[in-house]
Protein backbone atom coordinates (compact mmCIF):
# COMPACT_ATOMS: atom_id res chain seq x y z
CA MET A 1 271.50 135.45 143.52
CA THR A 2 271.81 134.14 147.07
CA ALA A 3 274.61 135.82 149.02
CA VAL A 4 277.75 133.69 149.35
CA PRO A 5 279.95 133.91 152.47
CA THR A 6 283.20 135.71 151.77
CA ALA A 7 285.25 132.73 153.02
CA ILE A 8 284.39 130.53 150.08
CA LEU A 9 284.94 133.04 147.29
CA GLY A 10 287.31 131.34 144.88
CA SER A 11 288.01 128.52 147.32
CA PRO A 12 285.38 126.00 148.44
CA SER A 13 287.62 125.02 151.33
CA GLY A 14 287.97 128.59 152.55
CA LYS A 15 291.76 128.26 152.31
CA SER A 16 294.09 130.38 150.26
CA GLU A 17 294.89 128.73 146.91
CA LYS A 18 297.23 129.59 144.08
CA THR A 19 294.49 129.10 141.51
CA PHE A 20 291.15 130.88 141.63
CA ARG A 21 288.09 128.62 141.42
CA TYR A 22 284.42 129.40 141.09
CA PRO A 23 282.66 127.79 144.10
CA GLU A 24 280.17 125.07 143.16
CA GLU A 25 277.78 126.48 145.78
CA ILE A 26 276.80 129.34 143.45
CA ARG A 27 276.14 127.27 140.36
CA ASP A 28 272.41 126.61 140.79
CA ASP A 29 271.62 130.26 141.39
CA PHE A 30 273.83 131.49 138.59
CA ILE A 31 272.47 129.22 135.84
CA LYS A 32 268.98 130.67 136.51
CA THR A 33 270.14 134.16 135.46
CA ASP A 34 269.68 135.78 132.02
CA ASP A 35 271.20 134.66 128.74
CA ILE A 36 273.77 136.84 126.97
CA GLU A 37 272.29 138.13 123.73
CA PHE A 38 274.63 138.81 120.81
CA ARG A 39 274.43 141.12 117.87
CA ASP A 40 273.98 138.30 115.36
CA GLY A 41 270.88 137.05 117.17
CA SER A 42 272.59 134.15 118.95
CA ARG A 43 272.46 133.61 122.71
CA VAL A 44 274.59 131.96 125.35
CA SER A 45 272.90 130.62 128.48
CA ALA A 46 274.24 131.12 131.99
CA ALA A 47 274.79 127.34 132.13
CA GLU A 48 277.06 127.51 129.09
CA VAL A 49 278.94 130.44 130.67
CA TRP A 50 279.40 128.42 133.87
CA ASP A 51 280.80 125.40 132.00
CA TYR A 52 283.25 127.61 130.12
CA LEU A 53 284.48 129.44 133.21
CA THR A 54 284.92 126.26 135.28
CA LYS A 55 286.16 123.78 132.64
CA ILE A 56 287.55 125.51 129.55
CA GLY A 57 288.82 128.85 130.89
CA PRO A 58 291.24 127.47 133.50
CA VAL A 59 292.90 125.26 130.83
CA LYS A 60 293.10 127.88 128.07
CA PHE A 61 293.98 130.87 130.25
CA PRO A 62 295.66 129.80 133.48
CA ASN A 63 297.20 133.29 133.74
CA LEU A 64 293.74 134.76 134.43
CA TYR A 65 293.12 132.32 137.26
CA ASP A 66 296.47 132.99 138.96
CA ASN A 67 295.54 133.70 142.59
CA SER A 68 299.04 134.39 143.92
CA SER A 69 299.65 137.59 145.83
CA LEU A 70 301.27 139.23 142.79
CA TYR A 71 298.55 138.51 140.23
CA ARG A 72 295.35 137.84 142.18
CA HIS A 73 292.11 139.34 140.95
CA ARG A 74 293.01 139.13 137.27
CA ILE A 75 289.35 138.29 136.94
CA SER A 76 286.64 139.46 139.31
CA HIS A 77 286.29 137.42 142.51
CA ASP A 78 282.83 138.73 143.31
CA VAL A 79 280.93 135.60 142.37
CA THR A 80 277.60 136.80 143.72
CA LEU A 81 277.11 139.28 140.88
CA PRO A 82 276.10 137.50 137.64
CA PHE A 83 277.45 140.26 135.41
CA THR A 84 281.00 139.70 136.70
CA LEU A 85 281.03 136.08 135.56
CA LYS A 86 279.53 136.95 132.20
CA HIS A 87 281.97 139.79 131.72
CA ASN A 88 284.84 137.38 132.42
CA TYR A 89 283.37 134.94 129.88
CA LEU A 90 283.09 137.67 127.25
CA LEU A 91 286.70 138.74 127.78
CA MET A 92 287.98 135.16 127.53
CA THR A 93 286.05 134.52 124.31
CA LEU A 94 286.87 137.93 122.78
CA HIS A 95 289.47 136.71 120.29
CA ASP A 96 287.39 133.74 119.13
CA ARG A 97 284.35 135.95 118.62
CA MET A 98 286.35 138.63 116.78
CA ALA A 99 287.97 136.03 114.51
CA LYS A 100 284.54 134.63 113.67
CA ALA A 101 283.12 138.10 112.95
CA LYS A 102 286.14 138.97 110.78
CA ALA A 103 285.67 135.77 108.80
CA GLU A 104 282.03 136.75 108.26
CA GLY A 105 283.07 140.06 106.68
CA HIS A 106 283.07 142.48 109.64
CA PRO A 107 286.26 144.63 109.60
CA ILE A 108 288.01 145.13 112.92
CA VAL A 109 288.73 148.82 113.50
CA PHE A 110 291.24 150.23 116.00
CA VAL A 111 289.79 153.37 117.60
CA GLN A 112 290.86 155.83 120.24
CA GLY A 113 289.55 155.46 123.79
CA GLY A 114 286.90 157.91 124.99
CA GLN A 115 284.93 158.16 121.76
CA SER A 116 281.53 156.86 120.71
CA VAL A 117 281.55 153.82 118.45
CA ASP A 118 278.04 154.11 116.97
CA PRO A 119 279.10 154.77 113.34
CA TYR A 120 281.59 151.90 113.19
CA TYR A 121 278.94 149.36 114.17
CA ALA A 122 276.31 151.00 112.01
CA ALA A 123 278.57 150.31 109.01
CA GLY A 124 279.01 146.65 110.01
CA ALA A 125 282.48 146.94 111.53
CA ILE A 126 283.69 146.18 115.06
CA ALA A 127 285.39 148.99 116.98
CA LEU A 128 288.07 148.08 119.51
CA ARG A 129 289.90 150.66 121.58
CA PRO A 130 293.53 150.04 122.70
CA PHE A 131 292.70 148.02 125.84
CA THR A 132 290.16 145.83 124.05
CA THR A 133 292.57 145.28 121.15
CA ARG A 134 295.15 144.06 123.66
CA GLN A 135 292.60 141.80 125.35
CA SER A 136 291.67 140.23 122.01
CA ALA A 137 295.28 139.67 121.06
CA ASN A 138 296.15 138.12 124.40
CA ARG A 139 293.25 135.69 124.29
CA GLN A 140 294.58 133.94 121.19
CA ARG A 141 297.47 132.68 123.26
CA GLU A 142 296.55 129.62 125.28
CA GLY A 143 298.18 127.85 128.21
CA LEU A 144 300.41 130.74 129.26
CA SER A 145 301.32 131.66 132.80
CA ARG A 146 301.02 135.31 133.81
CA ASN A 147 304.80 135.74 133.60
CA GLN A 148 304.91 134.25 130.08
CA GLU A 149 302.13 136.57 128.92
CA GLU A 150 303.90 139.63 130.36
CA LEU A 151 307.21 138.76 128.70
CA LEU A 152 305.50 138.38 125.31
CA ASN A 153 303.72 141.71 125.71
CA GLN A 154 306.95 143.51 126.60
CA SER A 155 308.78 141.87 123.68
CA GLU A 156 306.10 143.04 121.22
CA ARG A 157 306.19 146.55 122.62
CA GLN A 158 309.95 146.86 122.28
CA LYS A 159 309.87 145.59 118.68
CA ALA A 160 307.20 148.13 117.84
CA TYR A 161 309.15 150.99 119.34
CA SER A 162 312.04 150.24 116.95
CA GLN A 163 309.63 149.77 114.00
CA ILE A 164 307.47 152.84 114.60
CA SER A 165 308.82 155.17 117.29
CA PHE A 166 309.48 155.16 121.01
CA GLU A 167 307.61 158.50 121.11
CA ILE A 168 304.20 156.96 120.44
CA CYS A 169 301.81 156.46 123.36
CA ASN A 170 303.16 153.64 125.49
CA SER A 171 299.71 152.28 126.21
CA ALA A 172 298.03 152.68 122.82
CA GLY A 173 298.46 149.20 121.41
CA TYR A 174 299.95 150.23 118.06
CA GLU A 175 302.67 147.65 118.56
CA ILE A 176 300.42 144.62 118.44
CA ILE A 177 298.85 145.85 115.21
CA GLN A 178 302.22 146.15 113.53
CA GLU A 179 303.39 142.82 114.94
CA GLY A 180 300.35 141.13 113.42
CA THR A 181 299.08 139.87 116.79
CA ALA A 182 295.90 141.95 116.51
CA LEU A 183 293.19 141.24 113.91
CA THR A 184 293.00 144.94 112.94
CA ASP A 185 291.91 145.85 109.40
CA LEU A 186 291.61 149.64 109.79
CA VAL A 187 293.12 152.27 112.11
CA ALA A 188 290.48 155.03 112.28
CA PRO A 189 290.39 157.13 115.47
CA TYR A 190 288.94 160.59 116.02
CA THR A 191 291.78 163.05 116.53
CA VAL A 192 290.36 164.19 119.85
CA LEU A 193 292.22 166.42 122.27
CA ARG A 194 292.70 163.76 124.96
CA CYS A 195 295.88 162.36 123.37
CA SER A 196 298.85 164.13 121.88
CA ASP A 197 299.83 161.57 119.27
CA VAL A 198 296.71 160.05 117.72
CA SER A 199 297.46 161.46 114.26
CA TYR A 200 301.17 160.68 114.58
CA GLY A 201 300.55 157.12 115.69
CA THR A 202 298.05 156.53 112.88
CA GLU A 203 300.28 157.95 110.18
CA ALA A 204 303.24 155.95 111.53
CA HIS A 205 301.51 152.84 110.16
CA ARG A 206 302.59 154.02 106.70
CA HIS A 207 306.05 152.77 107.60
CA GLY A 208 305.25 149.66 109.66
CA PRO A 209 305.58 146.02 108.57
CA ARG A 210 301.81 145.77 107.94
CA ARG A 211 301.50 149.04 106.00
CA ASP A 212 299.93 147.24 103.03
CA GLU A 213 297.48 145.22 105.17
CA VAL A 214 296.09 147.79 107.60
CA LYS A 215 294.22 150.77 106.18
CA ARG A 216 294.40 154.20 107.87
CA LEU A 217 291.85 156.95 108.25
CA LEU A 218 292.04 160.04 110.47
CA LEU A 219 288.76 161.72 111.42
CA ASP A 220 289.59 165.38 111.85
CA TYR A 221 288.09 166.70 115.10
CA PRO A 222 287.71 170.52 115.20
CA LEU A 223 289.02 172.18 118.35
CA ASP A 224 288.60 175.54 120.11
CA HIS A 225 285.01 175.90 121.39
CA GLN A 226 283.97 173.45 118.68
CA LYS A 227 280.55 172.63 120.12
CA ASP A 228 279.40 176.27 119.76
CA LYS A 229 280.17 176.50 116.05
CA GLU A 230 277.66 175.19 113.56
CA TRP A 231 280.27 174.89 110.84
CA ALA A 232 282.22 172.53 113.10
CA VAL A 233 279.13 170.31 113.56
CA THR A 234 278.62 170.20 109.77
CA TYR A 235 282.28 169.55 109.14
CA PHE A 236 282.61 166.65 111.58
CA ALA A 237 279.33 165.15 110.34
CA GLN A 238 280.99 165.00 106.92
CA GLU A 239 283.99 163.27 108.53
CA LEU A 240 281.66 160.68 110.09
CA ARG A 241 280.07 160.05 106.69
CA ARG A 242 283.61 159.60 105.29
CA LEU A 243 284.18 156.96 107.97
CA THR A 244 281.09 154.90 107.10
CA ARG A 245 281.88 155.19 103.36
CA THR A 246 285.40 153.90 104.01
CA ILE A 247 284.02 150.90 105.90
CA ASP A 248 281.44 150.36 103.17
CA GLU A 249 284.29 150.08 100.64
CA MET A 250 285.69 147.26 102.78
CA THR A 251 282.41 145.40 103.26
CA GLY A 252 280.71 146.04 99.93
CA ARG A 253 277.55 147.27 101.60
CA THR A 254 275.93 150.71 101.85
CA THR A 255 275.29 152.25 105.27
CA SER A 256 272.04 154.22 105.31
CA ASP A 257 271.03 157.06 107.63
CA ASP A 258 268.50 154.68 109.13
CA ASP A 259 271.31 152.26 110.01
CA LEU A 260 273.10 154.96 112.00
CA ALA A 261 269.85 156.18 113.60
CA ALA A 262 269.07 152.65 114.84
CA GLU A 263 272.61 152.24 116.15
CA ILE A 264 272.42 155.55 118.04
CA LYS A 265 269.23 154.39 119.80
CA LEU A 266 270.86 151.11 120.82
CA HIS A 267 273.96 152.85 122.16
CA ASN A 268 271.92 155.49 123.89
CA GLU A 269 270.14 152.77 125.88
CA GLY A 270 273.54 151.54 127.06
CA ARG A 271 274.73 155.05 127.91
CA ARG A 272 271.57 155.80 129.88
CA LEU A 273 271.75 152.50 131.78
CA ALA A 274 275.36 153.15 132.76
CA VAL A 275 274.43 156.60 134.10
CA GLU A 276 271.44 155.18 135.99
CA ILE A 277 273.61 152.47 137.55
CA ALA A 278 276.20 155.11 138.52
CA ASP A 279 273.49 157.15 140.26
CA ILE A 280 272.39 154.07 142.24
CA TRP A 281 276.00 153.10 143.07
CA TRP A 282 277.02 156.60 144.12
CA GLY A 283 273.93 157.12 146.23
CA ALA A 284 274.49 153.98 148.33
CA ALA A 285 275.46 154.19 151.99
CA ASN A 286 278.16 151.58 151.26
CA PRO A 287 279.83 150.99 147.87
CA PRO A 288 277.84 147.99 146.47
CA THR A 289 280.88 146.59 144.61
CA ASP A 290 284.61 146.91 144.84
CA GLY A 291 286.37 149.52 142.70
CA ARG A 292 287.34 147.29 139.80
CA ASP A 293 283.83 145.87 139.33
CA ARG A 294 282.46 149.41 139.48
CA ARG A 295 284.86 150.65 136.83
CA GLU A 296 284.16 147.83 134.43
CA LEU A 297 280.39 148.02 135.00
CA PHE A 298 280.21 151.77 134.37
CA GLN A 299 282.34 151.44 131.24
CA PHE A 300 280.05 148.85 129.69
CA GLY A 301 278.24 152.03 128.64
CA CYS A 302 281.01 152.59 126.08
CA MET A 303 279.31 149.68 124.28
CA GLU A 304 282.60 148.30 122.97
CA SER A 305 283.97 146.54 126.04
CA HIS A 306 283.09 143.16 124.56
CA GLY A 307 283.27 143.83 120.83
CA ASP A 308 279.50 143.43 120.73
CA PRO A 309 277.18 146.27 121.87
CA GLN A 310 274.22 143.93 122.26
CA ALA A 311 276.19 141.72 124.65
CA SER A 312 277.22 144.76 126.70
CA LEU A 313 273.60 145.85 126.80
CA SER A 314 272.56 142.40 128.11
CA LEU A 315 274.95 142.76 131.00
CA LEU A 316 273.90 146.35 131.79
CA ARG A 317 270.21 145.46 131.91
CA GLU A 318 270.84 142.61 134.34
CA ALA A 319 273.42 144.47 136.41
CA LYS A 320 271.10 147.37 137.16
CA ARG A 321 268.67 145.03 139.01
CA HIS A 322 271.42 143.37 141.05
CA ILE A 323 273.14 146.61 142.00
CA ALA A 324 269.78 148.05 143.18
CA ASP A 325 269.22 144.90 145.29
CA ARG A 326 272.66 145.24 146.87
CA VAL A 327 272.08 148.89 147.71
CA ALA A 328 268.72 148.09 149.26
CA ALA A 329 270.42 145.43 151.43
CA ASN A 330 273.22 147.89 152.37
CA HIS A 331 275.75 145.33 151.13
CA ARG A 332 279.47 146.13 151.47
CA PRO A 333 281.78 143.92 149.35
CA ALA A 334 284.68 141.93 150.74
CA GLY A 335 287.92 143.88 150.84
CA VAL A 336 286.35 147.32 151.12
CA VAL A 337 286.68 148.80 154.60
CA GLU A 338 283.91 150.71 156.29
CA ASN A 339 284.02 154.44 155.46
CA ALA A 340 286.69 153.86 152.81
CA ALA A 341 288.30 157.04 151.39
CA ARG A 342 286.49 157.71 148.09
CA LEU A 343 288.81 158.64 145.21
CA PHE A 344 288.01 160.07 141.76
CA VAL A 345 290.58 159.51 138.99
CA CYS A 346 291.26 162.03 136.19
CA GLY A 347 293.45 161.50 133.13
CA SER A 348 293.88 159.08 130.24
CA CYS A 349 295.05 155.46 130.05
CA VAL A 350 296.47 154.99 133.54
CA PHE A 351 294.83 153.64 136.66
CA PRO A 352 296.05 152.62 140.12
CA ASN A 353 295.56 149.04 141.36
CA ASP A 354 292.03 148.88 142.76
CA PHE A 355 292.81 146.10 145.23
CA ARG A 356 295.99 147.65 146.57
CA THR A 357 294.08 150.90 147.01
CA GLU A 358 291.36 149.05 148.94
CA GLU A 359 293.96 147.35 151.14
CA ALA A 360 295.17 150.87 152.04
CA GLY A 361 291.63 151.90 153.10
CA GLY A 362 290.43 153.62 149.93
CA ILE A 363 288.17 152.87 146.97
CA ILE A 364 288.06 154.38 143.48
CA VAL A 365 284.49 155.55 142.87
CA GLY A 366 284.76 157.37 139.53
CA ASN A 367 286.89 158.49 136.62
CA ASP A 368 286.51 161.07 133.84
CA ASN A 369 288.15 159.11 131.02
CA HIS A 370 285.40 157.33 129.01
CA TRP A 371 282.76 158.61 131.41
CA SER A 372 282.78 161.81 129.37
CA ASP A 373 281.39 160.16 126.24
CA ILE A 374 279.15 157.72 128.14
CA THR A 375 277.28 160.58 129.79
CA THR A 376 276.76 162.36 126.47
CA ILE A 377 273.43 161.24 125.01
CA VAL A 378 273.08 161.59 121.25
CA GLY A 379 269.97 163.24 119.82
CA GLU A 380 267.59 160.80 118.13
CA SER A 381 265.73 163.19 115.79
CA GLY A 382 266.92 164.77 112.58
CA ASP A 383 270.04 163.90 110.60
CA PRO A 384 271.79 161.14 112.62
CA TYR A 385 275.23 162.25 111.42
CA ALA A 386 274.60 165.82 112.57
CA GLU A 387 273.21 164.63 115.90
CA LEU A 388 276.20 162.38 116.50
CA SER A 389 278.59 165.11 115.45
CA ARG A 390 277.00 167.59 117.85
CA ALA A 391 277.29 165.07 120.71
CA VAL A 392 280.90 164.11 119.98
CA LEU A 393 281.96 167.77 119.78
CA SER A 394 280.39 168.41 123.18
CA TYR A 395 282.30 165.70 125.12
CA PRO A 396 283.22 167.37 128.42
CA TYR A 397 286.72 165.82 128.39
CA GLU A 398 287.54 167.62 125.12
CA GLN A 399 286.31 171.12 126.11
CA PRO A 400 288.40 174.12 127.15
CA LEU A 401 289.90 173.65 130.59
CA LYS A 402 287.37 175.56 132.65
CA GLU A 403 284.43 173.77 131.03
CA ARG A 404 286.10 170.40 131.52
CA ALA A 405 286.79 171.28 135.14
CA LYS A 406 283.21 172.39 135.77
CA TRP A 407 281.80 169.07 134.48
CA THR A 408 284.42 166.99 136.31
CA ALA A 409 283.79 168.84 139.60
CA GLY A 410 280.11 168.00 139.21
CA GLU A 411 280.90 164.28 138.81
CA ILE A 412 283.25 164.44 141.82
CA LYS A 413 280.43 165.85 143.94
CA LYS A 414 277.91 163.28 142.64
CA SER A 415 280.31 160.48 143.56
CA ARG A 416 280.93 162.02 146.99
CA SER A 417 284.68 161.72 146.50
CA ASP A 418 287.13 162.64 149.23
CA GLY A 419 290.08 163.22 146.91
CA VAL A 420 291.14 163.46 143.26
CA LEU A 421 294.03 161.67 141.53
CA PHE A 422 295.23 163.13 138.22
CA LEU A 423 297.32 160.45 136.49
CA TYR A 424 299.04 160.51 133.13
CA LYS A 425 301.50 158.37 131.18
CA TRP A 426 305.03 159.54 130.54
CA GLY A 427 305.11 161.15 127.08
CA CYS A 428 301.47 162.23 127.05
CA ASN A 429 302.07 165.84 126.16
CA THR A 430 298.47 166.97 126.38
CA GLN A 431 297.54 165.58 129.79
CA SER A 432 300.88 166.49 131.41
CA ALA A 433 300.56 170.08 130.12
CA ILE A 434 297.12 170.68 131.62
CA ALA A 435 297.43 168.63 134.82
CA ARG A 436 298.33 171.44 137.20
CA LEU A 437 295.84 173.92 135.72
CA LEU A 438 293.03 171.37 135.85
CA VAL A 439 293.58 170.11 139.39
CA ASP A 440 293.85 173.64 140.70
CA GLU A 441 290.51 174.44 139.09
CA LEU A 442 289.01 171.18 140.40
CA LYS A 443 290.19 171.89 143.92
CA ALA A 444 288.69 175.38 143.78
CA GLN A 445 285.35 174.09 142.46
CA SER A 446 284.97 170.84 144.45
CA GLY A 447 286.93 171.64 147.61
CA VAL A 448 288.61 168.20 147.76
CA PRO A 449 292.36 167.49 147.95
CA THR A 450 294.16 166.61 144.71
CA ILE A 451 297.42 164.94 143.65
CA ILE A 452 299.21 164.60 140.28
CA ILE A 453 301.16 161.41 139.49
CA GLU A 454 303.12 160.54 136.33
CA ASP A 455 303.47 156.86 135.35
CA ASP A 456 305.15 154.76 132.71
CA THR A 457 304.82 151.06 131.86
CA SER A 458 307.64 149.69 133.99
CA SER A 459 306.91 147.55 137.03
CA THR A 460 309.08 149.81 139.17
CA SER A 461 307.06 152.84 138.20
CA THR A 462 303.80 151.03 138.86
CA GLU A 463 304.94 150.25 142.40
CA GLN A 464 305.93 153.89 142.93
CA LEU A 465 302.54 155.03 141.61
CA GLN A 466 300.73 152.78 144.07
CA ASN A 467 302.88 153.91 146.99
CA ARG A 468 301.94 157.51 146.28
CA VAL A 469 298.26 156.59 145.89
CA ASN A 470 298.30 154.76 149.24
CA ALA A 471 299.95 157.73 150.92
CA PHE A 472 297.23 159.97 149.45
CA VAL A 473 294.55 157.60 150.80
CA GLU A 474 296.05 157.93 154.27
CA MET A 475 296.02 161.71 153.92
CA VAL A 476 292.36 162.02 152.93
CA SER A 477 291.02 159.30 155.26
């Protein structure tokens, strides 16, 4: 697309406005870009995306278009990258698309973040991690301001804490399942090491208000050098077969090995594209996007960001071309200062504000959460369950500390980071316990400064987190 002057982004007049608007000047170029392809064979043209974002979206979801200083950038403001507009469209339509799929017999499954979703889709289900579950639930509410949406979210969370337990992960999304806001039919995560309460949170649904509506299934993930033990690979392959059989009982179909093999190939294409885009992005003289667009683009490789792997793949294919063009033109996005301090984030389910970080002179260029499974390519020969099991058991994030640190240090070097943030939520026993050991190992292996920050869900804590991040940016600049 033709470059658009920074002054008109979100405001044709060039003046600051309280509501974000897509500038009419980009329309002709945008509608010439690729369609979004969906899993069911349907397509949406760029022209249809444009009409939704400019006419329907602002009416249904004014909270996303709030451009005030407190809430700005709820959706990407980089209107010169087609994938950002299409990503926004897919997020806004997430609930409608999930409701349609559910009505057509596709169960909605709540999964843990940082795990591959190939077997869920192979069995005809839709896998949504905590963040995506929250996005889907929020998009069924129309006409809300940002404040109204926040108050409803907090109210649901507090009800859930009294119904389940205040000890469950405060960012997991269990509360909206129990409140009935989410469309979830099955809670079925892998019990991976990254989180201390996956099994507890899943079993807590036995006592929740929707205990008779939402099924539960724990996939037992072997630990302790699991990737080096053939029995562990065989055992977890059996667990994956148990998963597809459970979904088959819900759909009435039978998932074949060929179904899973085909799904693995599709997801591998997405994983490889995400890694290729990261290599292009990291190798650029200037960051070709801001930090938020980078994070969302890389994580399309999870293939569940939009509840439709084929749609995510459409965006990845198109994005690779545009990112390469930006790098060739040595483009630096608005809001990112020259020679910004490059930060790598470690830890689960917490992230600093990209835009506040960029205002302080930094930019977040990478993170280990989710990137661990995206960079793990699944073998495409032999028994697909065994190949997937072997890949899942080798996720770098789930390995013993020194192995995890070695992989993470390698990604820190690839991204040319100047510093490392290790962040974790209050109550996350696993990440808090290993934080100091891991960052000490990372500092020894990568040679870059590190900092550990704990966070909870309160607005006060979020402000404190950002103040510490900004001070760290100043230190490493």
